[in-house]
Amino acid sequence: MLVNYRKEWFNHVAKERRRLQRKDKNATHRQAMAAASVTWPKQKAKLQRKAAREAKKSQRAASS
């Protein structure tokens, strides 16, 4: 399965913006992008591990 990291990045930014808006109702997309860039490497690693796990699972299913 191919992961569209651009789409996942914007999903992550949207999630961060929702978190920011709990404190500051006027949180902008740009502020959310700045906050999301801090946590993105960890989230991207999770997505990569998930994709590798699914690929491994589908490879095992195809070989058996």
N, C-alpha and C. Protein backbone atom coordinates (compact mmCIF):
# COMPACT_ATOMS: atom_id res chain seq x y z
N MET A 1 0.83 -1.19 0.00
CA MET A 1 0.00 0.00 0.00
C MET A 1 0.87 1.25 0.00
N LEU A 2 0.61 2.13 -0.92
CA LEU A 2 1.36 3.38 -0.97
C LEU A 2 0.69 4.42 -0.08
N VAL A 3 1.52 5.15 0.65
CA VAL A 3 1.01 6.18 1.55
C VAL A 3 1.26 7.53 0.90
N ASN A 4 0.22 8.34 0.82
CA ASN A 4 0.37 9.70 0.30
C ASN A 4 0.73 10.60 1.47
N TYR A 5 2.02 10.89 1.62
CA TYR A 5 2.49 11.65 2.78
C TYR A 5 2.02 13.10 2.75
N ARG A 6 1.76 13.63 1.57
CA ARG A 6 1.25 15.01 1.48
C ARG A 6 -0.14 15.08 2.12
N LYS A 7 -0.97 14.11 1.79
CA LYS A 7 -2.32 14.06 2.36
C LYS A 7 -2.24 13.83 3.86
N GLU A 8 -1.37 12.93 4.28
CA GLU A 8 -1.21 12.64 5.70
C GLU A 8 -0.68 13.85 6.46
N TRP A 9 0.22 14.62 5.81
CA TRP A 9 0.75 15.84 6.44
C TRP A 9 -0.39 16.82 6.71
N PHE A 10 -1.26 17.04 5.73
CA PHE A 10 -2.35 17.99 5.93
C PHE A 10 -3.38 17.46 6.93
N ASN A 11 -3.58 16.15 7.01
CA ASN A 11 -4.43 15.59 8.06
C ASN A 11 -3.82 15.87 9.43
N HIS A 12 -2.50 15.75 9.52
CA HIS A 12 -1.79 16.00 10.77
C HIS A 12 -1.90 17.48 11.15
N VAL A 13 -1.76 18.36 10.17
CA VAL A 13 -1.89 19.80 10.42
C VAL A 13 -3.31 20.12 10.92
N ALA A 14 -4.31 19.51 10.30
CA ALA A 14 -5.69 19.75 10.72
C ALA A 14 -5.91 19.30 12.16
N LYS A 15 -5.31 18.16 12.52
CA LYS A 15 -5.44 17.67 13.88
C LYS A 15 -4.75 18.63 14.86
N GLU A 16 -3.58 19.11 14.49
CA GLU A 16 -2.87 20.07 15.34
C GLU A 16 -3.66 21.37 15.48
N ARG A 17 -4.29 21.79 14.41
CA ARG A 17 -5.08 23.02 14.47
C ARG A 17 -6.26 22.87 15.43
N ARG A 18 -6.90 21.71 15.40
CA ARG A 18 -7.98 21.45 16.35
C ARG A 18 -7.47 21.51 17.78
N ARG A 19 -6.26 20.97 18.01
CA ARG A 19 -5.66 21.03 19.35
C ARG A 19 -5.37 22.47 19.75
N LEU A 20 -4.82 23.24 18.81
CA LEU A 20 -4.49 24.64 19.10
C LEU A 20 -5.75 25.46 19.38
N GLN A 21 -6.83 25.13 18.71
CA GLN A 21 -8.05 25.91 18.87
C GLN A 21 -8.73 25.67 20.21
N ARG A 22 -8.32 24.67 20.94
CA ARG A 22 -8.84 24.49 22.30
C ARG A 22 -8.40 25.65 23.18
N LYS A 23 -7.16 26.12 22.93
CA LYS A 23 -6.61 27.22 23.72
C LYS A 23 -6.87 28.57 23.05
N ASP A 24 -6.56 28.64 21.76
CA ASP A 24 -6.67 29.89 21.01
C ASP A 24 -7.65 29.69 19.87
N LYS A 25 -8.82 30.30 19.98
CA LYS A 25 -9.87 30.09 18.97
C LYS A 25 -9.48 30.68 17.61
N ASN A 26 -8.49 31.55 17.58
CA ASN A 26 -8.07 32.18 16.32
C ASN A 26 -6.79 31.55 15.76
N ALA A 27 -6.57 30.29 16.03
CA ALA A 27 -5.38 29.61 15.52
C ALA A 27 -5.47 29.50 14.00
N THR A 28 -4.40 29.90 13.32
CA THR A 28 -4.39 29.88 11.86
C THR A 28 -3.77 28.59 11.34
N HIS A 29 -3.97 28.37 10.05
CA HIS A 29 -3.38 27.20 9.39
C HIS A 29 -1.86 27.28 9.47
N ARG A 30 -1.31 28.46 9.31
CA ARG A 30 0.14 28.65 9.36
C ARG A 30 0.69 28.31 10.74
N GLN A 31 -0.02 28.74 11.80
CA GLN A 31 0.41 28.40 13.16
C GLN A 31 0.33 26.89 13.37
N ALA A 32 -0.71 26.28 12.83
CA ALA A 32 -0.86 24.83 12.95
C ALA A 32 0.26 24.11 12.22
N MET A 33 0.67 24.62 11.07
CA MET A 33 1.77 23.99 10.33
C MET A 33 3.07 24.08 11.13
N ALA A 34 3.30 25.21 11.78
CA ALA A 34 4.50 25.37 12.59
C ALA A 34 4.49 24.39 13.76
N ALA A 35 3.36 24.25 14.41
CA ALA A 35 3.25 23.31 15.53
C ALA A 35 3.35 21.87 15.05
N ALA A 36 2.75 21.58 13.91
CA ALA A 36 2.75 20.21 13.39
C ALA A 36 4.14 19.78 12.93
N SER A 37 4.95 20.72 12.49
CA SER A 37 6.29 20.36 12.00
C SER A 37 7.16 19.79 13.12
N VAL A 38 6.83 20.12 14.37
CA VAL A 38 7.58 19.59 15.50
C VAL A 38 7.27 18.11 15.70
N THR A 39 6.00 17.72 15.57
CA THR A 39 5.59 16.35 15.85
C THR A 39 5.52 15.47 14.60
N TRP A 40 5.70 16.06 13.41
CA TRP A 40 5.56 15.31 12.17
C TRP A 40 6.55 14.16 12.02
N PRO A 41 7.84 14.32 12.35
CA PRO A 41 8.76 13.18 12.15
C PRO A 41 8.33 11.91 12.88
N LYS A 42 7.83 12.07 14.10
CA LYS A 42 7.37 10.92 14.87
C LYS A 42 6.13 10.30 14.22
N GLN A 43 5.21 11.14 13.78
CA GLN A 43 3.99 10.66 13.13
C GLN A 43 4.30 9.97 11.80
N LYS A 44 5.24 10.55 11.04
CA LYS A 44 5.61 9.96 9.76
C LYS A 44 6.25 8.59 9.96
N ALA A 45 7.06 8.46 11.00
CA ALA A 45 7.68 7.17 11.31
C ALA A 45 6.61 6.14 11.62
N LYS A 46 5.57 6.54 12.36
CA LYS A 46 4.47 5.63 12.66
C LYS A 46 3.78 5.18 11.37
N LEU A 47 3.56 6.12 10.46
CA LEU A 47 2.91 5.78 9.19
C LEU A 47 3.77 4.83 8.37
N GLN A 48 5.09 5.06 8.38
CA GLN A 48 5.99 4.19 7.63
C GLN A 48 6.01 2.78 8.21
N ARG A 49 6.01 2.68 9.54
CA ARG A 49 5.98 1.35 10.18
C ARG A 49 4.68 0.64 9.86
N LYS A 50 3.57 1.39 9.86
CA LYS A 50 2.27 0.80 9.56
C LYS A 50 2.24 0.28 8.12
N ALA A 51 2.78 1.05 7.18
CA ALA A 51 2.81 0.64 5.78
C ALA A 51 3.69 -0.60 5.60
N ALA A 52 4.83 -0.63 6.30
CA ALA A 52 5.72 -1.79 6.21
C ALA A 52 5.06 -3.03 6.79
N ARG A 53 4.33 -2.85 7.90
CA ARG A 53 3.63 -3.96 8.54
C ARG A 53 2.55 -4.52 7.62
N GLU A 54 1.80 -3.63 6.97
CA GLU A 54 0.74 -4.07 6.06
C GLU A 54 1.33 -4.75 4.83
N ALA A 55 2.46 -4.23 4.32
CA ALA A 55 3.10 -4.85 3.16
C ALA A 55 3.60 -6.25 3.52
N LYS A 56 4.17 -6.37 4.70
CA LYS A 56 4.67 -7.66 5.17
C LYS A 56 3.51 -8.65 5.33
N LYS A 57 2.40 -8.16 5.87
CA LYS A 57 1.22 -8.99 6.08
C LYS A 57 0.64 -9.46 4.74
N SER A 58 0.55 -8.56 3.78
CA SER A 58 -0.01 -8.94 2.47
C SER A 58 0.96 -9.87 1.73
N GLN A 59 2.26 -9.71 1.93
CA GLN A 59 3.23 -10.58 1.29
C GLN A 59 3.11 -12.01 1.86
N ARG A 60 2.93 -12.10 3.18
CA ARG A 60 2.75 -13.41 3.81
C ARG A 60 1.47 -14.08 3.33
N ALA A 61 0.42 -13.28 3.20
CA ALA A 61 -0.87 -13.83 2.75
C ALA A 61 -0.78 -14.30 1.29
N ALA A 62 -0.02 -13.58 0.48
CA ALA A 62 0.10 -13.94 -0.94
C ALA A 62 0.97 -15.20 -1.11
N SER A 63 1.97 -15.38 -0.24
CA SER A 63 2.87 -16.52 -0.39
C SER A 63 2.26 -17.82 0.14
N SER A 64 1.29 -17.71 1.03
CA SER A 64 0.72 -18.94 1.59
C SER A 64 -0.54 -19.40 0.89
